[in-house]
N, C-alpha and C. Protein backbone atom coordinates (compact mmCIF):
# COMPACT_ATOMS: atom_id res chain seq x y z
N MET A 1 36.82 -14.61 45.47
CA MET A 1 36.48 -13.18 45.32
C MET A 1 35.36 -13.05 44.30
N ASN A 2 34.36 -12.27 44.67
CA ASN A 2 33.24 -12.07 43.76
C ASN A 2 33.64 -11.15 42.61
N ALA A 3 33.08 -11.46 41.44
CA ALA A 3 33.37 -10.65 40.25
C ALA A 3 32.68 -9.31 40.38
N PRO A 4 33.30 -8.24 39.91
CA PRO A 4 32.67 -6.91 39.98
C PRO A 4 31.40 -6.87 39.15
N ALA A 5 30.40 -6.20 39.69
CA ALA A 5 29.11 -6.13 39.01
C ALA A 5 29.21 -5.23 37.79
N ARG A 6 28.43 -5.57 36.75
CA ARG A 6 28.42 -4.78 35.53
C ARG A 6 27.36 -3.70 35.67
N PRO A 7 27.73 -2.47 35.67
CA PRO A 7 26.75 -1.41 35.90
C PRO A 7 25.69 -1.32 34.81
N HIS A 8 26.11 -1.56 33.54
CA HIS A 8 25.14 -1.45 32.45
C HIS A 8 24.13 -2.57 32.51
N ALA A 9 24.58 -3.79 32.78
CA ALA A 9 23.66 -4.92 32.83
C ALA A 9 22.76 -4.84 34.03
N ALA A 10 23.25 -4.25 35.15
CA ALA A 10 22.43 -4.21 36.36
C ALA A 10 21.36 -3.14 36.26
N THR A 11 21.66 -2.05 35.58
CA THR A 11 20.70 -0.93 35.54
C THR A 11 19.80 -0.98 34.32
N ARG A 12 20.08 -1.81 33.34
CA ARG A 12 19.27 -1.83 32.15
C ARG A 12 17.98 -2.58 32.40
N PRO A 13 16.80 -2.01 32.14
CA PRO A 13 15.53 -2.72 32.36
C PRO A 13 15.41 -3.91 31.43
N LYS A 14 14.74 -4.94 31.93
CA LYS A 14 14.53 -6.14 31.13
C LYS A 14 13.53 -5.85 30.01
N GLY A 15 13.76 -6.49 28.87
CA GLY A 15 12.86 -6.33 27.75
C GLY A 15 13.11 -5.09 26.92
N LEU A 16 14.16 -4.33 27.22
CA LEU A 16 14.45 -3.11 26.49
C LEU A 16 15.11 -3.47 25.17
N ARG A 17 14.64 -2.81 24.08
CA ARG A 17 15.23 -3.06 22.78
C ARG A 17 15.36 -1.74 22.03
N VAL A 18 16.18 -1.77 21.00
CA VAL A 18 16.41 -0.58 20.20
C VAL A 18 15.22 -0.36 19.28
N VAL A 19 14.67 0.84 19.28
CA VAL A 19 13.53 1.17 18.43
C VAL A 19 14.00 2.17 17.39
N HIS A 20 13.84 1.81 16.12
CA HIS A 20 14.25 2.69 15.05
C HIS A 20 13.24 3.83 14.91
N GLU A 21 13.67 4.88 14.27
CA GLU A 21 12.82 6.06 14.15
C GLU A 21 11.54 5.75 13.40
N GLY A 22 11.62 4.91 12.35
CA GLY A 22 10.43 4.57 11.59
C GLY A 22 9.42 3.81 12.41
N GLU A 23 9.89 2.85 13.23
CA GLU A 23 8.98 2.08 14.06
C GLU A 23 8.32 2.96 15.11
N GLN A 24 9.06 3.91 15.64
CA GLN A 24 8.51 4.78 16.67
C GLN A 24 7.40 5.64 16.11
N ASN A 25 7.45 5.97 14.84
CA ASN A 25 6.44 6.80 14.22
C ASN A 25 5.36 5.98 13.54
N GLY A 26 5.33 4.68 13.73
CA GLY A 26 4.26 3.86 13.18
C GLY A 26 4.56 3.21 11.85
N SER A 27 5.82 3.09 11.47
CA SER A 27 6.18 2.47 10.20
C SER A 27 7.46 1.67 10.36
N PRO A 28 7.53 0.47 9.75
CA PRO A 28 8.77 -0.31 9.81
C PRO A 28 9.73 0.03 8.68
N TYR A 29 9.36 0.96 7.79
CA TYR A 29 10.16 1.25 6.60
C TYR A 29 10.88 2.59 6.73
N PRO A 30 12.08 2.69 6.20
CA PRO A 30 12.80 3.97 6.21
C PRO A 30 12.24 4.91 5.15
N LYS A 31 12.62 6.15 5.24
CA LYS A 31 12.17 7.17 4.30
C LYS A 31 12.83 6.95 2.94
N ALA A 32 12.01 7.00 1.89
CA ALA A 32 12.53 6.79 0.54
C ALA A 32 13.23 8.06 0.06
N SER A 33 14.06 7.91 -0.95
CA SER A 33 14.79 9.03 -1.52
C SER A 33 13.82 10.04 -2.14
N LEU A 34 13.98 11.30 -1.77
CA LEU A 34 13.12 12.34 -2.32
C LEU A 34 13.37 12.55 -3.81
N TRP A 35 14.58 12.31 -4.26
CA TRP A 35 14.89 12.48 -5.68
C TRP A 35 14.20 11.41 -6.52
N MET A 36 14.16 10.19 -6.02
CA MET A 36 13.46 9.14 -6.75
C MET A 36 11.96 9.40 -6.78
N ARG A 37 11.42 9.91 -5.67
CA ARG A 37 10.00 10.23 -5.64
C ARG A 37 9.67 11.39 -6.58
N LEU A 38 10.56 12.38 -6.64
CA LEU A 38 10.35 13.50 -7.54
C LEU A 38 10.38 13.04 -9.00
N GLY A 39 11.35 12.19 -9.33
CA GLY A 39 11.42 11.67 -10.69
C GLY A 39 10.19 10.86 -11.06
N ALA A 40 9.73 10.04 -10.12
CA ALA A 40 8.52 9.25 -10.38
C ALA A 40 7.31 10.14 -10.58
N ARG A 41 7.19 11.20 -9.79
CA ARG A 41 6.05 12.11 -9.93
C ARG A 41 6.08 12.84 -11.25
N LEU A 42 7.27 13.24 -11.70
CA LEU A 42 7.38 13.92 -12.98
C LEU A 42 6.95 13.02 -14.13
N VAL A 43 7.31 11.75 -14.05
CA VAL A 43 6.88 10.80 -15.09
C VAL A 43 5.36 10.65 -15.08
N ASP A 44 4.77 10.52 -13.90
CA ASP A 44 3.32 10.35 -13.81
C ASP A 44 2.58 11.59 -14.31
N VAL A 45 3.08 12.76 -13.97
CA VAL A 45 2.46 13.99 -14.46
C VAL A 45 2.58 14.09 -15.98
N SER A 46 3.71 13.65 -16.52
CA SER A 46 3.89 13.66 -17.97
C SER A 46 2.91 12.71 -18.65
N VAL A 47 2.70 11.54 -18.06
CA VAL A 47 1.73 10.60 -18.62
C VAL A 47 0.32 11.18 -18.54
N ALA A 48 -0.02 11.80 -17.41
CA ALA A 48 -1.34 12.42 -17.27
C ALA A 48 -1.53 13.55 -18.29
N TRP A 49 -0.48 14.32 -18.53
CA TRP A 49 -0.57 15.40 -19.52
C TRP A 49 -0.77 14.83 -20.92
N GLY A 50 -0.08 13.74 -21.23
CA GLY A 50 -0.28 13.09 -22.52
C GLY A 50 -1.70 12.57 -22.69
N LEU A 51 -2.26 12.01 -21.64
CA LEU A 51 -3.65 11.55 -21.70
C LEU A 51 -4.60 12.73 -21.87
N TYR A 52 -4.27 13.84 -21.25
CA TYR A 52 -5.11 15.04 -21.37
C TYR A 52 -5.11 15.57 -22.81
N VAL A 53 -3.94 15.57 -23.43
CA VAL A 53 -3.83 16.10 -24.79
C VAL A 53 -4.47 15.15 -25.80
N LEU A 54 -4.24 13.84 -25.63
CA LEU A 54 -4.73 12.87 -26.60
C LEU A 54 -6.18 12.45 -26.34
N GLY A 55 -6.70 12.78 -25.17
CA GLY A 55 -8.05 12.31 -24.82
C GLY A 55 -9.17 13.15 -25.36
N GLY A 56 -8.87 14.28 -26.00
CA GLY A 56 -9.91 15.12 -26.56
C GLY A 56 -10.77 15.74 -25.48
N ALA A 57 -12.09 15.67 -25.67
CA ALA A 57 -13.02 16.28 -24.72
C ALA A 57 -12.97 15.60 -23.36
N ALA A 58 -12.70 14.30 -23.35
CA ALA A 58 -12.64 13.54 -22.09
C ALA A 58 -11.23 13.45 -21.53
N GLY A 59 -10.29 14.21 -22.12
CA GLY A 59 -8.90 14.11 -21.68
C GLY A 59 -8.70 14.51 -20.24
N GLY A 60 -9.41 15.55 -19.79
CA GLY A 60 -9.25 15.99 -18.41
C GLY A 60 -9.71 14.94 -17.41
N VAL A 61 -10.83 14.28 -17.73
CA VAL A 61 -11.35 13.24 -16.84
C VAL A 61 -10.41 12.05 -16.81
N VAL A 62 -9.89 11.66 -17.98
CA VAL A 62 -8.96 10.53 -18.05
C VAL A 62 -7.69 10.83 -17.26
N ALA A 63 -7.16 12.04 -17.42
CA ALA A 63 -5.95 12.42 -16.68
C ALA A 63 -6.22 12.44 -15.18
N LEU A 64 -7.39 12.92 -14.77
CA LEU A 64 -7.73 12.95 -13.35
C LEU A 64 -7.82 11.56 -12.77
N LEU A 65 -8.47 10.64 -13.49
CA LEU A 65 -8.59 9.26 -13.01
C LEU A 65 -7.23 8.58 -12.95
N PHE A 66 -6.37 8.89 -13.90
CA PHE A 66 -5.03 8.30 -13.87
C PHE A 66 -4.27 8.74 -12.63
N LEU A 67 -4.31 10.04 -12.32
CA LEU A 67 -3.60 10.52 -11.14
C LEU A 67 -4.15 9.93 -9.86
N LEU A 68 -5.46 9.71 -9.81
CA LEU A 68 -6.06 9.14 -8.61
C LEU A 68 -5.70 7.67 -8.43
N LEU A 69 -5.73 6.91 -9.50
CA LEU A 69 -5.58 5.45 -9.41
C LEU A 69 -4.18 4.95 -9.74
N ALA A 70 -3.26 5.82 -10.08
CA ALA A 70 -1.96 5.40 -10.62
C ALA A 70 -1.19 4.50 -9.66
N ASP A 71 -1.21 4.82 -8.36
CA ASP A 71 -0.38 4.08 -7.40
C ASP A 71 -0.94 2.70 -7.08
N GLY A 72 -2.12 2.36 -7.56
CA GLY A 72 -2.67 1.03 -7.33
C GLY A 72 -2.69 0.16 -8.57
N MET A 73 -2.07 0.63 -9.65
CA MET A 73 -2.15 -0.11 -10.91
C MET A 73 -1.19 -1.28 -10.97
N LEU A 74 0.03 -1.11 -10.48
CA LEU A 74 1.07 -2.13 -10.64
C LEU A 74 1.57 -2.59 -9.27
N GLN A 75 0.66 -3.11 -8.46
CA GLN A 75 1.03 -3.60 -7.12
C GLN A 75 1.73 -2.52 -6.30
N GLY A 76 1.03 -1.38 -6.14
CA GLY A 76 1.59 -0.30 -5.35
C GLY A 76 2.52 0.62 -6.11
N GLN A 77 2.58 0.48 -7.42
CA GLN A 77 3.48 1.30 -8.22
C GLN A 77 2.74 1.90 -9.41
N SER A 78 2.95 3.17 -9.62
CA SER A 78 2.52 3.80 -10.86
C SER A 78 3.59 3.58 -11.92
N VAL A 79 3.37 4.16 -13.09
CA VAL A 79 4.38 4.02 -14.14
C VAL A 79 5.70 4.64 -13.70
N GLY A 80 5.63 5.84 -13.14
CA GLY A 80 6.85 6.51 -12.69
C GLY A 80 7.52 5.79 -11.54
N LYS A 81 6.73 5.29 -10.59
CA LYS A 81 7.31 4.58 -9.45
C LYS A 81 7.94 3.26 -9.88
N ARG A 82 7.36 2.61 -10.88
CA ARG A 82 7.98 1.38 -11.39
C ARG A 82 9.33 1.68 -12.03
N ILE A 83 9.42 2.79 -12.74
CA ILE A 83 10.67 3.15 -13.40
C ILE A 83 11.76 3.49 -12.38
N PHE A 84 11.38 4.22 -11.33
CA PHE A 84 12.37 4.69 -10.35
C PHE A 84 12.50 3.76 -9.15
N GLY A 85 11.77 2.67 -9.12
CA GLY A 85 12.00 1.64 -8.10
C GLY A 85 11.47 1.97 -6.73
N VAL A 86 10.44 2.82 -6.63
CA VAL A 86 9.81 3.09 -5.34
C VAL A 86 8.40 2.50 -5.36
N LYS A 87 7.83 2.35 -4.16
CA LYS A 87 6.56 1.63 -4.05
C LYS A 87 5.75 2.21 -2.91
N VAL A 88 4.42 2.19 -3.06
CA VAL A 88 3.51 2.67 -2.02
C VAL A 88 3.03 1.47 -1.22
N MET A 89 3.23 1.53 0.10
CA MET A 89 2.82 0.44 0.98
C MET A 89 1.71 0.92 1.91
N HIS A 90 0.72 0.05 2.12
CA HIS A 90 -0.34 0.31 3.09
C HIS A 90 0.17 -0.16 4.45
N LEU A 91 0.39 0.77 5.37
CA LEU A 91 1.10 0.46 6.61
C LEU A 91 0.35 -0.49 7.55
N PRO A 92 -0.97 -0.37 7.76
CA PRO A 92 -1.62 -1.30 8.69
C PRO A 92 -1.48 -2.76 8.30
N THR A 93 -1.46 -3.06 7.00
CA THR A 93 -1.34 -4.44 6.55
C THR A 93 0.03 -4.77 5.97
N ARG A 94 0.87 -3.74 5.80
CA ARG A 94 2.21 -3.93 5.19
C ARG A 94 2.10 -4.63 3.84
N SER A 95 1.14 -4.20 3.06
CA SER A 95 0.94 -4.76 1.72
C SER A 95 0.91 -3.62 0.71
N ALA A 96 1.03 -3.98 -0.57
CA ALA A 96 1.05 -2.97 -1.62
C ALA A 96 -0.26 -2.20 -1.66
N ALA A 97 -0.17 -0.92 -1.96
CA ALA A 97 -1.35 -0.07 -2.01
C ALA A 97 -2.29 -0.52 -3.12
N ARG A 98 -3.58 -0.38 -2.86
CA ARG A 98 -4.60 -0.69 -3.85
C ARG A 98 -5.21 0.60 -4.37
N HIS A 99 -6.23 0.45 -5.24
CA HIS A 99 -6.82 1.62 -5.86
C HIS A 99 -7.46 2.55 -4.84
N ARG A 100 -8.06 2.00 -3.79
CA ARG A 100 -8.66 2.85 -2.76
C ARG A 100 -7.58 3.67 -2.05
N ASP A 101 -6.47 3.02 -1.70
CA ASP A 101 -5.37 3.73 -1.05
C ASP A 101 -4.79 4.79 -1.97
N SER A 102 -4.66 4.44 -3.25
CA SER A 102 -4.12 5.40 -4.22
C SER A 102 -5.03 6.61 -4.36
N THR A 103 -6.34 6.38 -4.36
CA THR A 103 -7.29 7.49 -4.50
C THR A 103 -7.19 8.44 -3.31
N LEU A 104 -7.09 7.89 -2.10
CA LEU A 104 -7.01 8.73 -0.91
C LEU A 104 -5.71 9.53 -0.87
N ARG A 105 -4.57 8.88 -1.17
CA ARG A 105 -3.29 9.58 -1.03
C ARG A 105 -3.08 10.60 -2.15
N ASN A 106 -3.72 10.43 -3.29
CA ASN A 106 -3.54 11.36 -4.40
C ASN A 106 -4.68 12.36 -4.52
N ALA A 107 -5.63 12.34 -3.58
CA ALA A 107 -6.76 13.26 -3.64
C ALA A 107 -6.33 14.73 -3.60
N PRO A 108 -5.37 15.13 -2.74
CA PRO A 108 -4.97 16.54 -2.76
C PRO A 108 -4.39 16.98 -4.10
N LEU A 109 -3.62 16.12 -4.77
CA LEU A 109 -3.04 16.49 -6.05
C LEU A 109 -4.09 16.47 -7.15
N ALA A 110 -5.04 15.54 -7.08
CA ALA A 110 -6.10 15.50 -8.08
C ALA A 110 -7.03 16.71 -7.95
N LEU A 111 -7.13 17.27 -6.74
CA LEU A 111 -7.95 18.46 -6.55
C LEU A 111 -7.41 19.63 -7.36
N ILE A 112 -6.10 19.70 -7.52
CA ILE A 112 -5.50 20.77 -8.33
C ILE A 112 -5.98 20.66 -9.78
N VAL A 113 -5.97 19.44 -10.31
CA VAL A 113 -6.44 19.23 -11.68
C VAL A 113 -7.93 19.51 -11.80
N LEU A 114 -8.68 19.10 -10.78
CA LEU A 114 -10.13 19.31 -10.81
C LEU A 114 -10.48 20.80 -10.83
N LEU A 115 -9.76 21.59 -10.05
CA LEU A 115 -10.01 23.03 -10.07
C LEU A 115 -9.62 23.64 -11.41
N GLY A 116 -8.61 23.08 -12.05
CA GLY A 116 -8.21 23.58 -13.36
C GLY A 116 -9.21 23.28 -14.45
N MET A 117 -10.16 22.38 -14.20
CA MET A 117 -11.17 22.03 -15.19
C MET A 117 -12.36 22.98 -15.15
N MET A 118 -12.33 23.99 -14.30
CA MET A 118 -13.40 24.99 -14.25
C MET A 118 -13.34 25.85 -15.51
N PRO A 119 -14.45 26.49 -15.88
CA PRO A 119 -14.47 27.35 -17.09
C PRO A 119 -13.43 28.47 -17.00
N GLU A 120 -12.90 28.82 -18.18
CA GLU A 120 -11.91 29.91 -18.25
C GLU A 120 -12.60 31.26 -18.04
N PRO A 121 -11.91 32.25 -17.50
CA PRO A 121 -10.51 32.21 -17.01
C PRO A 121 -10.40 31.75 -15.56
N LEU A 122 -11.54 31.39 -14.95
CA LEU A 122 -11.51 31.00 -13.55
C LEU A 122 -10.70 29.73 -13.33
N GLY A 123 -10.77 28.81 -14.28
CA GLY A 123 -10.06 27.54 -14.14
C GLY A 123 -8.56 27.71 -14.06
N ARG A 124 -8.03 28.58 -14.90
CA ARG A 124 -6.58 28.79 -14.89
C ARG A 124 -6.11 29.43 -13.59
N VAL A 125 -6.87 30.42 -13.12
CA VAL A 125 -6.50 31.07 -11.86
C VAL A 125 -6.59 30.09 -10.69
N ALA A 126 -7.68 29.29 -10.65
CA ALA A 126 -7.86 28.30 -9.58
C ALA A 126 -6.77 27.24 -9.62
N PHE A 127 -6.36 26.85 -10.83
CA PHE A 127 -5.32 25.82 -10.97
C PHE A 127 -4.00 26.29 -10.37
N PHE A 128 -3.56 27.50 -10.74
CA PHE A 128 -2.27 27.98 -10.26
C PHE A 128 -2.32 28.32 -8.77
N ALA A 129 -3.47 28.81 -8.32
CA ALA A 129 -3.60 29.09 -6.88
C ALA A 129 -3.54 27.80 -6.07
N ALA A 130 -4.24 26.76 -6.54
CA ALA A 130 -4.21 25.47 -5.84
C ALA A 130 -2.84 24.82 -5.94
N LEU A 131 -2.18 25.03 -7.07
CA LEU A 131 -0.84 24.47 -7.23
C LEU A 131 0.13 25.07 -6.21
N VAL A 132 0.00 26.35 -5.96
CA VAL A 132 0.89 27.00 -5.01
C VAL A 132 0.56 26.58 -3.58
N VAL A 133 -0.74 26.61 -3.24
CA VAL A 133 -1.14 26.33 -1.85
C VAL A 133 -1.00 24.85 -1.54
N ILE A 134 -1.71 24.01 -2.29
CA ILE A 134 -1.71 22.57 -2.01
C ILE A 134 -0.33 21.98 -2.28
N GLY A 135 0.26 22.35 -3.41
CA GLY A 135 1.59 21.84 -3.72
C GLY A 135 2.63 22.26 -2.69
N GLY A 136 2.51 23.49 -2.20
CA GLY A 136 3.46 23.95 -1.19
C GLY A 136 3.32 23.20 0.12
N VAL A 137 2.08 22.98 0.56
CA VAL A 137 1.85 22.25 1.81
C VAL A 137 2.34 20.81 1.69
N GLU A 138 2.03 20.17 0.58
CA GLU A 138 2.44 18.78 0.40
C GLU A 138 3.97 18.66 0.31
N THR A 139 4.59 19.58 -0.39
CA THR A 139 6.05 19.55 -0.49
C THR A 139 6.72 19.78 0.85
N LEU A 140 6.17 20.71 1.64
CA LEU A 140 6.73 20.98 2.96
C LEU A 140 6.63 19.77 3.87
N ARG A 141 5.50 19.09 3.84
CA ARG A 141 5.34 17.89 4.65
C ARG A 141 6.26 16.77 4.16
N LEU A 142 6.38 16.67 2.85
CA LEU A 142 7.23 15.63 2.28
C LEU A 142 8.68 15.78 2.73
N VAL A 143 9.17 17.01 2.78
CA VAL A 143 10.56 17.24 3.14
C VAL A 143 10.78 17.14 4.64
N ARG A 144 9.86 17.66 5.43
CA ARG A 144 10.09 17.76 6.87
C ARG A 144 9.69 16.51 7.64
N ASP A 145 8.77 15.71 7.11
CA ASP A 145 8.31 14.54 7.85
C ASP A 145 9.41 13.48 7.90
N PRO A 146 9.63 12.81 9.04
CA PRO A 146 10.70 11.80 9.14
C PRO A 146 10.50 10.61 8.21
N LEU A 147 9.26 10.34 7.83
CA LEU A 147 8.99 9.20 6.94
C LEU A 147 8.56 9.63 5.55
N GLY A 148 8.53 10.94 5.30
CA GLY A 148 8.13 11.42 3.99
C GLY A 148 6.64 11.36 3.74
N TRP A 149 5.85 11.44 4.81
CA TRP A 149 4.39 11.39 4.65
C TRP A 149 3.87 12.72 4.14
N ARG A 150 3.06 12.65 3.07
CA ARG A 150 2.29 13.81 2.66
C ARG A 150 0.95 13.79 3.38
N LEU A 151 0.14 14.81 3.13
CA LEU A 151 -1.20 14.85 3.72
C LEU A 151 -2.02 13.66 3.23
N GLY A 152 -1.87 13.33 1.95
CA GLY A 152 -2.58 12.17 1.40
C GLY A 152 -2.16 10.86 2.03
N ASP A 153 -0.88 10.73 2.38
CA ASP A 153 -0.41 9.52 3.04
C ASP A 153 -1.03 9.37 4.43
N THR A 154 -1.26 10.49 5.10
CA THR A 154 -1.91 10.44 6.41
C THR A 154 -3.34 9.94 6.28
N TRP A 155 -4.05 10.39 5.25
CA TRP A 155 -5.42 9.93 5.03
C TRP A 155 -5.47 8.45 4.68
N ALA A 156 -4.58 8.02 3.80
CA ALA A 156 -4.61 6.64 3.31
C ALA A 156 -3.80 5.67 4.15
N GLN A 157 -3.03 6.17 5.13
CA GLN A 157 -2.14 5.35 5.95
C GLN A 157 -1.14 4.59 5.07
N THR A 158 -0.50 5.33 4.19
CA THR A 158 0.45 4.76 3.25
C THR A 158 1.80 5.44 3.41
N GLN A 159 2.81 4.83 2.80
CA GLN A 159 4.15 5.40 2.77
C GLN A 159 4.86 4.95 1.50
N VAL A 160 5.57 5.86 0.88
CA VAL A 160 6.38 5.53 -0.28
C VAL A 160 7.73 5.03 0.22
N VAL A 161 8.11 3.83 -0.21
CA VAL A 161 9.34 3.21 0.26
C VAL A 161 10.16 2.75 -0.94
N ASP A 162 11.41 2.46 -0.67
CA ASP A 162 12.28 1.88 -1.70
C ASP A 162 11.81 0.47 -2.00
N GLY A 163 11.66 0.14 -3.28
CA GLY A 163 11.17 -1.17 -3.66
C GLY A 163 12.05 -2.30 -3.20
N LYS A 164 13.36 -2.04 -3.04
CA LYS A 164 14.26 -3.10 -2.58
C LYS A 164 14.04 -3.43 -1.11
N VAL A 165 13.50 -2.50 -0.34
CA VAL A 165 13.29 -2.74 1.09
C VAL A 165 12.20 -3.78 1.31
N VAL A 166 11.15 -3.74 0.49
CA VAL A 166 10.01 -4.64 0.69
C VAL A 166 10.07 -5.85 -0.23
N ALA A 167 11.12 -5.98 -1.03
CA ALA A 167 11.21 -7.12 -1.93
C ALA A 167 11.34 -8.41 -1.14
N GLY A 168 10.44 -9.34 -1.37
CA GLY A 168 10.48 -10.62 -0.68
C GLY A 168 9.93 -10.60 0.72
N ALA A 169 9.43 -9.47 1.19
CA ALA A 169 8.90 -9.39 2.55
C ALA A 169 7.53 -10.05 2.62
N THR A 170 7.22 -10.64 3.77
CA THR A 170 5.92 -11.25 3.98
C THR A 170 4.90 -10.18 4.30
N THR A 171 3.77 -10.19 3.60
CA THR A 171 2.73 -9.19 3.81
C THR A 171 1.46 -9.86 4.27
N ALA A 172 0.65 -9.09 4.95
CA ALA A 172 -0.60 -9.61 5.47
C ALA A 172 -1.65 -9.69 4.36
N VAL A 173 -2.56 -10.62 4.50
CA VAL A 173 -3.64 -10.77 3.54
C VAL A 173 -4.73 -9.76 3.88
N ARG A 174 -5.13 -8.93 2.91
CA ARG A 174 -6.07 -7.86 3.18
C ARG A 174 -7.50 -8.25 2.88
N SER A 175 -7.72 -9.33 2.17
CA SER A 175 -9.08 -9.74 1.87
C SER A 175 -9.26 -11.19 2.27
N PRO A 176 -10.43 -11.55 2.80
CA PRO A 176 -10.63 -12.93 3.21
C PRO A 176 -10.61 -13.87 2.03
N VAL A 177 -9.99 -15.03 2.25
CA VAL A 177 -9.89 -16.03 1.20
C VAL A 177 -10.98 -17.06 1.39
N THR A 178 -11.82 -17.23 0.38
CA THR A 178 -12.91 -18.19 0.44
C THR A 178 -12.37 -19.59 0.15
N PRO A 179 -12.53 -20.54 1.04
CA PRO A 179 -12.02 -21.88 0.80
C PRO A 179 -12.74 -22.55 -0.36
N ALA A 180 -11.98 -23.30 -1.12
CA ALA A 180 -12.58 -23.99 -2.26
C ALA A 180 -13.50 -25.11 -1.81
N ARG A 181 -14.61 -25.31 -2.54
CA ARG A 181 -15.55 -26.36 -2.21
C ARG A 181 -15.07 -27.70 -2.76
N VAL A 182 -15.14 -28.70 -1.93
CA VAL A 182 -14.71 -30.03 -2.36
C VAL A 182 -15.84 -30.67 -3.12
N PRO A 183 -15.61 -31.20 -4.32
CA PRO A 183 -16.68 -31.84 -5.08
C PRO A 183 -17.30 -32.99 -4.31
N GLY A 184 -18.55 -33.30 -4.66
CA GLY A 184 -19.29 -34.35 -3.95
C GLY A 184 -18.67 -35.72 -4.07
N ARG A 185 -18.03 -36.01 -5.21
CA ARG A 185 -17.45 -37.34 -5.37
C ARG A 185 -16.29 -37.56 -4.41
N PHE A 186 -15.55 -36.49 -4.07
CA PHE A 186 -14.47 -36.63 -3.11
C PHE A 186 -15.01 -36.89 -1.72
N LEU A 187 -16.11 -36.24 -1.37
CA LEU A 187 -16.73 -36.50 -0.07
C LEU A 187 -17.25 -37.92 -0.01
N SER A 188 -17.83 -38.40 -1.12
CA SER A 188 -18.34 -39.77 -1.15
C SER A 188 -17.21 -40.77 -0.99
N ALA A 189 -16.09 -40.51 -1.67
CA ALA A 189 -14.95 -41.42 -1.56
C ALA A 189 -14.41 -41.45 -0.14
N ALA A 190 -14.35 -40.29 0.50
CA ALA A 190 -13.87 -40.25 1.88
C ALA A 190 -14.82 -40.99 2.80
N ARG A 191 -16.14 -40.89 2.56
CA ARG A 191 -17.11 -41.58 3.41
C ARG A 191 -16.99 -43.10 3.24
N VAL A 192 -16.72 -43.54 2.00
CA VAL A 192 -16.58 -44.98 1.76
C VAL A 192 -15.35 -45.52 2.47
N ARG A 193 -14.23 -44.77 2.41
CA ARG A 193 -13.02 -45.23 3.09
C ARG A 193 -13.22 -45.29 4.59
N ARG A 194 -13.94 -44.33 5.15
CA ARG A 194 -14.19 -44.33 6.58
C ARG A 194 -15.07 -45.51 6.98
N CYS A 195 -16.06 -45.82 6.17
CA CYS A 195 -16.94 -46.96 6.46
C CYS A 195 -16.18 -48.27 6.40
N ARG A 196 -15.26 -48.39 5.44
CA ARG A 196 -14.48 -49.62 5.33
C ARG A 196 -13.60 -49.81 6.55
N SER A 197 -12.99 -48.72 7.05
CA SER A 197 -12.12 -48.83 8.23
C SER A 197 -12.92 -49.25 9.45
N PHE A 198 -14.15 -48.76 9.60
CA PHE A 198 -14.98 -49.18 10.73
C PHE A 198 -15.42 -50.62 10.58
N THR A 199 -15.72 -51.05 9.36
CA THR A 199 -16.20 -52.41 9.12
C THR A 199 -15.10 -53.43 9.41
N GLN A 200 -13.86 -53.10 9.05
CA GLN A 200 -12.77 -54.03 9.26
C GLN A 200 -12.30 -54.11 10.70
N SER A 201 -12.71 -53.15 11.56
CA SER A 201 -12.30 -53.21 12.96
C SER A 201 -13.13 -54.23 13.71
N PRO A 202 -12.65 -54.78 14.87
CA PRO A 202 -13.39 -55.83 15.60
C PRO A 202 -14.78 -55.40 16.01
N ARG A 203 -14.93 -54.16 16.45
CA ARG A 203 -16.24 -53.70 16.91
C ARG A 203 -16.92 -52.84 15.86
N GLY A 204 -16.45 -52.93 14.64
CA GLY A 204 -17.02 -52.07 13.60
C GLY A 204 -18.43 -52.49 13.24
N LYS A 205 -19.20 -51.54 12.80
CA LYS A 205 -20.55 -51.78 12.34
C LYS A 205 -20.68 -51.27 10.93
N PRO A 206 -21.47 -51.94 10.14
CA PRO A 206 -21.64 -51.47 8.75
C PRO A 206 -22.26 -50.10 8.73
N CYS A 207 -21.89 -49.28 7.76
CA CYS A 207 -22.41 -47.95 7.64
C CYS A 207 -23.82 -47.98 7.07
N ALA A 208 -24.60 -47.07 7.54
CA ALA A 208 -25.97 -47.01 7.03
C ALA A 208 -25.96 -46.38 5.66
N SER A 209 -26.74 -46.89 4.80
CA SER A 209 -26.83 -46.35 3.44
C SER A 209 -27.61 -45.04 3.47
N ARG A 210 -27.27 -44.14 2.59
CA ARG A 210 -27.92 -42.83 2.51
C ARG A 210 -28.71 -42.72 1.23
């Protein structure tokens, strides 16, 4: 008697696999905790404010540069992200974000600070207006997006992930590695050994001198 056919095995297409929500949206990483991201951002803003106060006339520029480059300082982590254990990953290469990626993803937030550097009283009005508009849009995207992508993450192709998720993961090399040059004496030694092997063979011929 033939065994009854399995309906699930017969109707399931070959090569079908389970696709997680992150992979379907272009990322292999799950969404990081919003509370950890909020805590990390508060720390970074506090550091930027301290640089602004202590930097004197150049404090605004120093604070602006810190906010732009913060996520590329510590292998994809700013000071706040290092404390709270989250990390910015560049999705196309699955490697830690660099300064270019950090600048792109933090450009909308740095624009708020830049508008606040305008002469008073226009600077204060522009700062709070940008804080409401840009901050509101970024917060809305952060909460509603399945992967927690802000507008800046879309520009930079980055994602904030839990540092434990990417710990020990293999990442792609983003810059070409220049092979080391072998010193001339090593090449000479290799040439001598090759000549000796040819000379000792029955049909070997002595090597020509150079």
